[in-house]
Amino acid sequence: MSLTFYVLLWAHPGTEDSLVAYEDTVLCLVADHGGKVLQRARSDGAEGRPLEIQLFEFPSAEAFDAYMADSRRTALASERDRAIARTELINVQLV
């Protein structure tokens, strides 16, 4: 069963460019696991809003898990931790 979800990302103060650079890198790996980035958008990140909002589709939870465990992605964990203050994942059904 396919998996569709939004990811909301908040940057640590002053690390907005680092968040974007990190996401530019790791989102290139999504297709290697059968996933698609359906949409990627940015806000100003002000007043508690997420800086980046992404809409994904993966063919299965296992495919998403494989993306999350990809060694090319996990090798960048320290970059992610420096740039990203908070992540929220929301499962959705497109209507």
PDB file of N, CA and C in Angstrom:
ATOM      1  N   MET A   1       0.843  -1.179   0.000  1.00  0.00           N
ATOM      2  CA  MET A   1       0.000   0.000   0.000  1.00  0.00           C
ATOM      3  C   MET A   1       0.890   1.245   0.000  1.00  0.00           C
ATOM      4  N   SER A   2       0.573   2.198  -0.863  1.00  0.00           N
ATOM      5  CA  SER A   2       1.409   3.392  -0.959  1.00  0.00           C
ATOM      6  C   SER A   2       1.243   4.268   0.280  1.00  0.00           C
ATOM      7  N   LEU A   3       2.224   5.114   0.473  1.00  0.00           N
ATOM      8  CA  LEU A   3       2.297   5.989   1.637  1.00  0.00           C
ATOM      9  C   LEU A   3       2.445   7.413   1.123  1.00  0.00           C
ATOM     10  N   THR A   4       1.523   8.295   1.509  1.00  0.00           N
ATOM     11  CA  THR A   4       1.564   9.699   1.110  1.00  0.00           C
ATOM     12  C   THR A   4       1.563  10.535   2.382  1.00  0.00           C
ATOM     13  N   PHE A   5       2.464  11.511   2.439  1.00  0.00           N
ATOM     14  CA  PHE A   5       2.572  12.299   3.669  1.00  0.00           C
ATOM     15  C   PHE A   5       3.243  13.639   3.404  1.00  0.00           C
ATOM     16  N   TYR A   6       2.940  14.577   4.290  1.00  0.00           N
ATOM     17  CA  TYR A   6       3.619  15.869   4.323  1.00  0.00           C
ATOM     18  C   TYR A   6       4.716  15.809   5.374  1.00  0.00           C
ATOM     19  N   VAL A   7       5.798  16.511   5.106  1.00  0.00           N
ATOM     20  CA  VAL A   7       6.845  16.729   6.096  1.00  0.00           C
ATOM     21  C   VAL A   7       6.975  18.234   6.282  1.00  0.00           C
ATOM     22  N   LEU A   8       6.897  18.681   7.517  1.00  0.00           N
ATOM     23  CA  LEU A   8       7.082  20.079   7.869  1.00  0.00           C
ATOM     24  C   LEU A   8       8.409  20.194   8.607  1.00  0.00           C
ATOM     25  N   LEU A   9       9.221  21.160   8.209  1.00  0.00           N
ATOM     26  CA  LEU A   9      10.569  21.309   8.762  1.00  0.00           C
ATOM     27  C   LEU A   9      10.780  22.721   9.295  1.00  0.00           C
ATOM     28  N   TRP A  10      11.245  22.802  10.528  1.00  0.00           N
ATOM     29  CA  TRP A  10      11.590  24.070  11.156  1.00  0.00           C
ATOM     30  C   TRP A  10      13.104  24.148  11.298  1.00  0.00           C
ATOM     31  N   ALA A  11      13.682  25.287  10.975  1.00  0.00           N
ATOM     32  CA  ALA A  11      15.130  25.489  11.091  1.00  0.00           C
ATOM     33  C   ALA A  11      15.480  26.050  12.465  1.00  0.00           C
ATOM     34  N   HIS A  12      16.673  25.691  12.941  1.00  0.00           N
ATOM     35  CA  HIS A  12      17.227  26.402  14.091  1.00  0.00           C
ATOM     36  C   HIS A  12      17.458  27.841  13.642  1.00  0.00           C
ATOM     37  N   PRO A  13      17.356  28.817  14.540  1.00  0.00           N
ATOM     38  CA  PRO A  13      17.581  30.211  14.152  1.00  0.00           C
ATOM     39  C   PRO A  13      18.930  30.385  13.447  1.00  0.00           C
ATOM     40  N   GLY A  14      18.889  31.046  12.302  1.00  0.00           N
ATOM     41  CA  GLY A  14      20.103  31.336  11.547  1.00  0.00           C
ATOM     42  C   GLY A  14      20.604  30.204  10.669  1.00  0.00           C
ATOM     43  N   THR A  15      19.890  29.079  10.629  1.00  0.00           N
ATOM     44  CA  THR A  15      20.366  27.935   9.836  1.00  0.00           C
ATOM     45  C   THR A  15      19.464  27.626   8.642  1.00  0.00           C
ATOM     46  N   GLU A  16      18.690  28.597   8.226  1.00  0.00           N
ATOM     47  CA  GLU A  16      17.747  28.373   7.133  1.00  0.00           C
ATOM     48  C   GLU A  16      18.447  27.884   5.864  1.00  0.00           C
ATOM     49  N   ASP A  17      19.550  28.515   5.495  1.00  0.00           N
ATOM     50  CA  ASP A  17      20.274  28.092   4.288  1.00  0.00           C
ATOM     51  C   ASP A  17      20.827  26.678   4.438  1.00  0.00           C
ATOM     52  N   SER A  18      21.239  26.324   5.637  1.00  0.00           N
ATOM     53  CA  SER A  18      21.753  24.972   5.880  1.00  0.00           C
ATOM     54  C   SER A  18      20.647  23.934   5.760  1.00  0.00           C
ATOM     55  N   LEU A  19      19.452  24.264   6.235  1.00  0.00           N
ATOM     56  CA  LEU A  19      18.321  23.345   6.093  1.00  0.00           C
ATOM     57  C   LEU A  19      18.041  23.103   4.616  1.00  0.00           C
ATOM     58  N   VAL A  20      17.978  24.159   3.832  1.00  0.00           N
ATOM     59  CA  VAL A  20      17.703  24.029   2.397  1.00  0.00           C
ATOM     60  C   VAL A  20      18.792  23.206   1.715  1.00  0.00           C
ATOM     61  N   ALA A  21      20.047  23.459   2.043  1.00  0.00           N
ATOM     62  CA  ALA A  21      21.156  22.709   1.430  1.00  0.00           C
ATOM     63  C   ALA A  21      21.087  21.231   1.798  1.00  0.00           C
ATOM     64  N   TYR A  22      20.796  20.935   3.050  1.00  0.00           N
ATOM     65  CA  TYR A  22      20.670  19.542   3.478  1.00  0.00           C
ATOM     66  C   TYR A  22      19.542  18.861   2.716  1.00  0.00           C
ATOM     67  N   GLU A  23      18.390  19.506   2.654  1.00  0.00           N
ATOM     68  CA  GLU A  23      17.250  18.917   1.949  1.00  0.00           C
ATOM     69  C   GLU A  23      17.538  18.755   0.459  1.00  0.00           C
ATOM     70  N   ASP A  24      18.215  19.718  -0.151  1.00  0.00           N
ATOM     71  CA  ASP A  24      18.604  19.579  -1.563  1.00  0.00           C
ATOM     72  C   ASP A  24      19.380  18.283  -1.775  1.00  0.00           C
ATOM     73  N   THR A  25      20.231  17.952  -0.833  1.00  0.00           N
ATOM     74  CA  THR A  25      21.071  16.754  -0.938  1.00  0.00           C
ATOM     75  C   THR A  25      20.274  15.478  -0.718  1.00  0.00           C
ATOM     76  N   VAL A  26      19.552  15.400   0.388  1.00  0.00           N
ATOM     77  CA  VAL A  26      18.891  14.129   0.720  1.00  0.00           C
ATOM     78  C   VAL A  26      17.665  13.850  -0.136  1.00  0.00           C
ATOM     79  N   LEU A  27      17.009  14.870  -0.634  1.00  0.00           N
ATOM     80  CA  LEU A  27      15.836  14.620  -1.474  1.00  0.00           C
ATOM     81  C   LEU A  27      16.215  13.979  -2.802  1.00  0.00           C
ATOM     82  N   CYS A  28      17.461  14.119  -3.208  1.00  0.00           N
ATOM     83  CA  CYS A  28      17.935  13.439  -4.423  1.00  0.00           C
ATOM     84  C   CYS A  28      17.936  11.921  -4.251  1.00  0.00           C
ATOM     85  N   LEU A  29      17.884  11.436  -3.025  1.00  0.00           N
ATOM     86  CA  LEU A  29      17.919   9.995  -2.744  1.00  0.00           C
ATOM     87  C   LEU A  29      16.535   9.350  -2.764  1.00  0.00           C
ATOM     88  N   VAL A  30      15.494  10.148  -2.724  1.00  0.00           N
ATOM     89  CA  VAL A  30      14.129   9.623  -2.617  1.00  0.00           C
ATOM     90  C   VAL A  30      13.808   8.667  -3.762  1.00  0.00           C
ATOM     91  N   ALA A  31      14.121   9.052  -4.983  1.00  0.00           N
ATOM     92  CA  ALA A  31      13.788   8.227  -6.157  1.00  0.00           C
ATOM     93  C   ALA A  31      14.498   6.879  -6.127  1.00  0.00           C
ATOM     94  N   ASP A  32      15.664   6.824  -5.502  1.00  0.00           N
ATOM     95  CA  ASP A  32      16.392   5.551  -5.403  1.00  0.00           C
ATOM     96  C   ASP A  32      15.605   4.504  -4.616  1.00  0.00           C
ATOM     97  N   HIS A  33      14.604   4.951  -3.870  1.00  0.00           N
ATOM     98  CA  HIS A  33      13.796   4.048  -3.049  1.00  0.00           C
ATOM     99  C   HIS A  33      12.346   3.996  -3.534  1.00  0.00           C
ATOM    100  N   GLY A  34      12.137   4.433  -4.772  1.00  0.00           N
ATOM    101  CA  GLY A  34      10.812   4.371  -5.373  1.00  0.00           C
ATOM    102  C   GLY A  34       9.887   5.498  -4.973  1.00  0.00           C
ATOM    103  N   GLY A  35      10.402   6.460  -4.220  1.00  0.00           N
ATOM    104  CA  GLY A  35       9.573   7.567  -3.759  1.00  0.00           C
ATOM    105  C   GLY A  35       9.570   8.732  -4.724  1.00  0.00           C
ATOM    106  N   LYS A  36       8.635   9.642  -4.490  1.00  0.00           N
ATOM    107  CA  LYS A  36       8.521  10.866  -5.283  1.00  0.00           C
ATOM    108  C   LYS A  36       8.312  12.044  -4.341  1.00  0.00           C
ATOM    109  N   VAL A  37       8.990  13.145  -4.648  1.00  0.00           N
ATOM    110  CA  VAL A  37       8.697  14.409  -3.982  1.00  0.00           C
ATOM    111  C   VAL A  37       7.656  15.085  -4.870  1.00  0.00           C
ATOM    112  N   LEU A  38       6.410  15.104  -4.423  1.00  0.00           N
ATOM    113  CA  LEU A  38       5.326  15.650  -5.235  1.00  0.00           C
ATOM    114  C   LEU A  38       5.308  17.171  -5.213  1.00  0.00           C
ATOM    115  N   GLN A  39       5.733  17.748  -4.098  1.00  0.00           N
ATOM    116  CA  GLN A  39       5.746  19.204  -3.963  1.00  0.00           C
ATOM    117  C   GLN A  39       6.716  19.588  -2.862  1.00  0.00           C
ATOM    118  N   ARG A  40       7.350  20.718  -3.060  1.00  0.00           N
ATOM    119  CA  ARG A  40       8.266  21.269  -2.059  1.00  0.00           C
ATOM    120  C   ARG A  40       8.031  22.767  -2.040  1.00  0.00           C
ATOM    121  N   ALA A  41       7.759  23.312  -0.864  1.00  0.00           N
ATOM    122  CA  ALA A  41       7.453  24.733  -0.751  1.00  0.00           C
ATOM    123  C   ALA A  41       8.141  25.307   0.478  1.00  0.00           C
ATOM    124  N   ARG A  42       8.375  26.622   0.444  1.00  0.00           N
ATOM    125  CA  ARG A  42       8.995  27.308   1.582  1.00  0.00           C
ATOM    126  C   ARG A  42       8.137  28.474   2.022  1.00  0.00           C
ATOM    127  N   SER A  43       8.161  28.699   3.318  1.00  0.00           N
ATOM    128  CA  SER A  43       7.548  29.895   3.889  1.00  0.00           C
ATOM    129  C   SER A  43       8.686  30.784   4.385  1.00  0.00           C
ATOM    130  N   ASP A  44       8.317  31.860   5.058  1.00  0.00           N
ATOM    131  CA  ASP A  44       9.361  32.705   5.644  1.00  0.00           C
ATOM    132  C   ASP A  44       9.864  32.138   6.967  1.00  0.00           C
ATOM    133  N   GLY A  45       9.197  31.116   7.487  1.00  0.00           N
ATOM    134  CA  GLY A  45       9.627  30.496   8.735  1.00  0.00           C
ATOM    135  C   GLY A  45       9.397  31.352   9.970  1.00  0.00           C
ATOM    136  N   ALA A  46       8.725  32.475   9.801  1.00  0.00           N
ATOM    137  CA  ALA A  46       8.512  33.398  10.919  1.00  0.00           C
ATOM    138  C   ALA A  46       7.349  32.939  11.796  1.00  0.00           C
ATOM    139  N   GLU A  47       7.326  33.443  13.009  1.00  0.00           N
ATOM    140  CA  GLU A  47       6.219  33.263  13.944  1.00  0.00           C
ATOM    141  C   GLU A  47       5.823  31.804  14.131  1.00  0.00           C
ATOM    142  N   GLY A  48       6.830  30.941  14.216  1.00  0.00           N
ATOM    143  CA  GLY A  48       6.571  29.541  14.496  1.00  0.00           C
ATOM    144  C   GLY A  48       6.156  28.692  13.307  1.00  0.00           C
ATOM    145  N   ARG A  49       6.144  29.283  12.108  1.00  0.00           N
ATOM    146  CA  ARG A  49       5.786  28.509  10.921  1.00  0.00           C
ATOM    147  C   ARG A  49       6.968  27.662  10.470  1.00  0.00           C
ATOM    148  N   PRO A  50       6.697  26.497   9.856  1.00  0.00           N
ATOM    149  CA  PRO A  50       7.806  25.706   9.306  1.00  0.00           C
ATOM    150  C   PRO A  50       8.437  26.450   8.135  1.00  0.00           C
ATOM    151  N   LEU A  51       9.736  26.280   7.976  1.00  0.00           N
ATOM    152  CA  LEU A  51      10.433  26.894   6.848  1.00  0.00           C
ATOM    153  C   LEU A  51      10.115  26.157   5.559  1.00  0.00           C
ATOM    154  N   GLU A  52      10.051  24.832   5.634  1.00  0.00           N
ATOM    155  CA  GLU A  52       9.840  24.045   4.423  1.00  0.00           C
ATOM    156  C   GLU A  52       8.740  23.017   4.652  1.00  0.00           C
ATOM    157  N   ILE A  53       7.929  22.837   3.609  1.00  0.00           N
ATOM    158  CA  ILE A  53       6.843  21.857   3.609  1.00  0.00           C
ATOM    159  C   ILE A  53       7.012  21.009   2.359  1.00  0.00           C
ATOM    160  N   GLN A  54       6.997  19.691   2.543  1.00  0.00           N
ATOM    161  CA  GLN A  54       7.223  18.767   1.430  1.00  0.00           C
ATOM    162  C   GLN A  54       6.098  17.742   1.398  1.00  0.00           C
ATOM    163  N   LEU A  55       5.699  17.354   0.186  1.00  0.00           N
ATOM    164  CA  LEU A  55       4.694  16.309   0.002  1.00  0.00           C
ATOM    165  C   LEU A  55       5.364  15.137  -0.706  1.00  0.00           C
ATOM    166  N   PHE A  56       5.292  13.959  -0.085  1.00  0.00           N
ATOM    167  CA  PHE A  56       5.953  12.753  -0.593  1.00  0.00           C
ATOM    168  C   PHE A  56       4.949  11.663  -0.912  1.00  0.00           C
ATOM    169  N   GLU A  57       5.381  10.769  -1.809  1.00  0.00           N
ATOM    170  CA  GLU A  57       4.673   9.512  -2.036  1.00  0.00           C
ATOM    171  C   GLU A  57       5.714   8.410  -2.157  1.00  0.00           C
ATOM    172  N   PHE A  58       5.532   7.348  -1.385  1.00  0.00           N
ATOM    173  CA  PHE A  58       6.379   6.156  -1.453  1.00  0.00           C
ATOM    174  C   PHE A  58       5.483   4.964  -1.754  1.00  0.00           C
ATOM    175  N   PRO A  59       6.014   3.962  -2.452  1.00  0.00           N
ATOM    176  CA  PRO A  59       5.184   2.799  -2.789  1.00  0.00           C
ATOM    177  C   PRO A  59       4.776   1.970  -1.570  1.00  0.00           C
ATOM    178  N   SER A  60       5.503   2.107  -0.470  1.00  0.00           N
ATOM    179  CA  SER A  60       5.202   1.335   0.736  1.00  0.00           C
ATOM    180  C   SER A  60       5.930   1.948   1.924  1.00  0.00           C
ATOM    181  N   ALA A  61       5.519   1.548   3.110  1.00  0.00           N
ATOM    182  CA  ALA A  61       6.221   1.969   4.322  1.00  0.00           C
ATOM    183  C   ALA A  61       7.642   1.426   4.321  1.00  0.00           C
ATOM    184  N   GLU A  62       7.825   0.229   3.762  1.00  0.00           N
ATOM    185  CA  GLU A  62       9.162  -0.373   3.698  1.00  0.00           C
ATOM    186  C   GLU A  62      10.096   0.450   2.810  1.00  0.00           C
ATOM    187  N   ALA A  63       9.571   0.982   1.716  1.00  0.00           N
ATOM    188  CA  ALA A  63      10.384   1.823   0.831  1.00  0.00           C
ATOM    189  C   ALA A  63      10.794   3.105   1.553  1.00  0.00           C
ATOM    190  N   PHE A  64       9.869   3.696   2.304  1.00  0.00           N
ATOM    191  CA  PHE A  64      10.196   4.889   3.085  1.00  0.00           C
ATOM    192  C   PHE A  64      11.237   4.563   4.153  1.00  0.00           C
ATOM    193  N   ASP A  65      11.066   3.440   4.832  1.00  0.00           N
ATOM    194  CA  ASP A  65      12.039   3.022   5.842  1.00  0.00           C
ATOM    195  C   ASP A  65      13.425   2.841   5.226  1.00  0.00           C
ATOM    196  N   ALA A  66      13.478   2.292   4.011  1.00  0.00           N
ATOM    197  CA  ALA A  66      14.760   2.107   3.325  1.00  0.00           C
ATOM    198  C   ALA A  66      15.400   3.458   3.011  1.00  0.00           C
ATOM    199  N   TYR A  67      14.600   4.438   2.608  1.00  0.00           N
ATOM    200  CA  TYR A  67      15.114   5.790   2.376  1.00  0.00           C
ATOM    201  C   TYR A  67      15.678   6.365   3.677  1.00  0.00           C
ATOM    202  N   MET A  68      14.920   6.236   4.756  1.00  0.00           N
ATOM    203  CA  MET A  68      15.369   6.783   6.035  1.00  0.00           C
ATOM    204  C   MET A  68      16.660   6.126   6.509  1.00  0.00           C
ATOM    205  N   ALA A  69      16.858   4.857   6.188  1.00  0.00           N
ATOM    206  CA  ALA A  69      18.048   4.114   6.620  1.00  0.00           C
ATOM    207  C   ALA A  69      19.199   4.187   5.626  1.00  0.00           C
ATOM    208  N   ASP A  70      18.988   4.830   4.486  1.00  0.00           N
ATOM    209  CA  ASP A  70      20.026   4.921   3.457  1.00  0.00           C
ATOM    210  C   ASP A  70      21.308   5.494   4.074  1.00  0.00           C
ATOM    211  N   SER A  71      22.408   4.801   3.906  1.00  0.00           N
ATOM    212  CA  SER A  71      23.668   5.222   4.532  1.00  0.00           C
ATOM    213  C   SER A  71      24.141   6.578   4.021  1.00  0.00           C
ATOM    214  N   ARG A  72      23.780   6.937   2.797  1.00  0.00           N
ATOM    215  CA  ARG A  72      24.154   8.265   2.277  1.00  0.00           C
ATOM    216  C   ARG A  72      23.404   9.353   3.032  1.00  0.00           C
ATOM    217  N   ARG A  73      22.182   9.053   3.456  1.00  0.00           N
ATOM    218  CA  ARG A  73      21.388  10.002   4.229  1.00  0.00           C
ATOM    219  C   ARG A  73      21.845  10.036   5.683  1.00  0.00           C
ATOM    220  N   THR A  74      22.014   8.872   6.291  1.00  0.00           N
ATOM    221  CA  THR A  74      22.384   8.836   7.709  1.00  0.00           C
ATOM    222  C   THR A  74      23.782   9.401   7.950  1.00  0.00           C
ATOM    223  N   ALA A  75      24.645   9.360   6.938  1.00  0.00           N
ATOM    224  CA  ALA A  75      25.985   9.941   7.070  1.00  0.00           C
ATOM    225  C   ALA A  75      25.924  11.456   7.269  1.00  0.00           C
ATOM    226  N   LEU A  76      24.802  12.059   6.921  1.00  0.00           N
ATOM    227  CA  LEU A  76      24.634  13.511   7.037  1.00  0.00           C
ATOM    228  C   LEU A  76      23.861  13.911   8.298  1.00  0.00           C
ATOM    229  N   ALA A  77      23.722  12.991   9.238  1.00  0.00           N
ATOM    230  CA  ALA A  77      22.918  13.245  10.441  1.00  0.00           C
ATOM    231  C   ALA A  77      23.392  14.470  11.216  1.00  0.00           C
ATOM    232  N   SER A  78      24.687  14.685  11.299  1.00  0.00           N
ATOM    233  CA  SER A  78      25.170  15.847  12.060  1.00  0.00           C
ATOM    234  C   SER A  78      24.779  17.150  11.364  1.00  0.00           C
ATOM    235  N   GLU A  79      24.793  17.169  10.033  1.00  0.00           N
ATOM    236  CA  GLU A  79      24.344  18.360   9.299  1.00  0.00           C
ATOM    237  C   GLU A  79      22.863  18.610   9.565  1.00  0.00           C
ATOM    238  N   ARG A  80      22.097  17.523   9.539  1.00  0.00           N
ATOM    239  CA  ARG A  80      20.664  17.639   9.789  1.00  0.00           C
ATOM    240  C   ARG A  80      20.413  18.189  11.195  1.00  0.00           C
ATOM    241  N   ASP A  81      21.099  17.639  12.174  1.00  0.00           N
ATOM    242  CA  ASP A  81      20.902  18.069  13.556  1.00  0.00           C
ATOM    243  C   ASP A  81      21.271  19.534  13.764  1.00  0.00           C
ATOM    244  N   ARG A  82      22.287  20.016  13.062  1.00  0.00           N
ATOM    245  CA  ARG A  82      22.687  21.422  13.174  1.00  0.00           C
ATOM    246  C   ARG A  82      21.648  22.355  12.559  1.00  0.00           C
ATOM    247  N   ALA A  83      20.993  21.911  11.488  1.00  0.00           N
ATOM    248  CA  ALA A  83      20.108  22.794  10.730  1.00  0.00           C
ATOM    249  C   ALA A  83      18.640  22.691  11.121  1.00  0.00           C
ATOM    250  N   ILE A  84      18.178  21.496  11.457  1.00  0.00           N
ATOM    251  CA  ILE A  84      16.742  21.263  11.616  1.00  0.00           C
ATOM    252  C   ILE A  84      16.381  21.141  13.092  1.00  0.00           C
ATOM    253  N   ALA A  85      15.523  22.052  13.526  1.00  0.00           N
ATOM    254  CA  ALA A  85      15.100  22.082  14.927  1.00  0.00           C
ATOM    255  C   ALA A  85      13.946  21.132  15.193  1.00  0.00           C
ATOM    256  N   ARG A  86      13.077  20.978  14.215  1.00  0.00           N
ATOM    257  CA  ARG A  86      11.859  20.184  14.421  1.00  0.00           C
ATOM    258  C   ARG A  86      11.377  19.651  13.085  1.00  0.00           C
ATOM    259  N   THR A  87      10.858  18.431  13.113  1.00  0.00           N
ATOM    260  CA  THR A  87      10.266  17.790  11.938  1.00  0.00           C
ATOM    261  C   THR A  87       8.920  17.214  12.335  1.00  0.00           C
ATOM    262  N   GLU A  88       7.925  17.437  11.497  1.00  0.00           N
ATOM    263  CA  GLU A  88       6.612  16.834  11.721  1.00  0.00           C
ATOM    264  C   GLU A  88       6.190  16.121  10.448  1.00  0.00           C
ATOM    265  N   LEU A  89       5.752  14.888  10.580  1.00  0.00           N
ATOM    266  CA  LEU A  89       5.290  14.082   9.452  1.00  0.00           C
ATOM    267  C   LEU A  89       3.792  13.842   9.627  1.00  0.00           C
ATOM    268  N   ILE A  90       3.024  14.123   8.565  1.00  0.00           N
ATOM    269  CA  ILE A  90       1.572  13.972   8.616  1.00  0.00           C
ATOM    270  C   ILE A  90       1.138  13.073   7.466  1.00  0.00           C
ATOM    271  N   ASN A  91       0.650  11.882   7.785  1.00  0.00           N
ATOM    272  CA  ASN A  91       0.118  10.990   6.756  1.00  0.00           C
ATOM    273  C   ASN A  91      -1.178  11.575   6.213  1.00  0.00           C
ATOM    274  N   VAL A  92      -1.348  11.529   4.883  1.00  0.00           N
ATOM    275  CA  VAL A  92      -2.545  12.077   4.247  1.00  0.00           C
ATOM    276  C   VAL A  92      -3.026  11.142   3.146  1.00  0.00           C
ATOM    277  N   GLN A  93      -4.251  11.363   2.724  1.00  0.00           N
ATOM    278  CA  GLN A  93      -4.801  10.754   1.521  1.00  0.00           C
ATOM    279  C   GLN A  93      -5.170  11.897   0.599  1.00  0.00           C
ATOM    280  N   LEU A  94      -4.665  11.871  -0.620  1.00  0.00           N
ATOM    281  CA  LEU A  94      -5.003  12.920  -1.574  1.00  0.00           C
ATOM    282  C   LEU A  94      -6.426  12.701  -2.066  1.00  0.00           C
ATOM    283  N   VAL A  95      -7.192  13.784  -2.143  1.00  0.00           N
ATOM    284  CA  VAL A  95      -8.590  13.687  -2.580  1.00  0.00           C
ATOM    285  C   VAL A  95      -8.828  14.566  -3.789  1.00  0.00           C
TER     286      VAL A  95
END
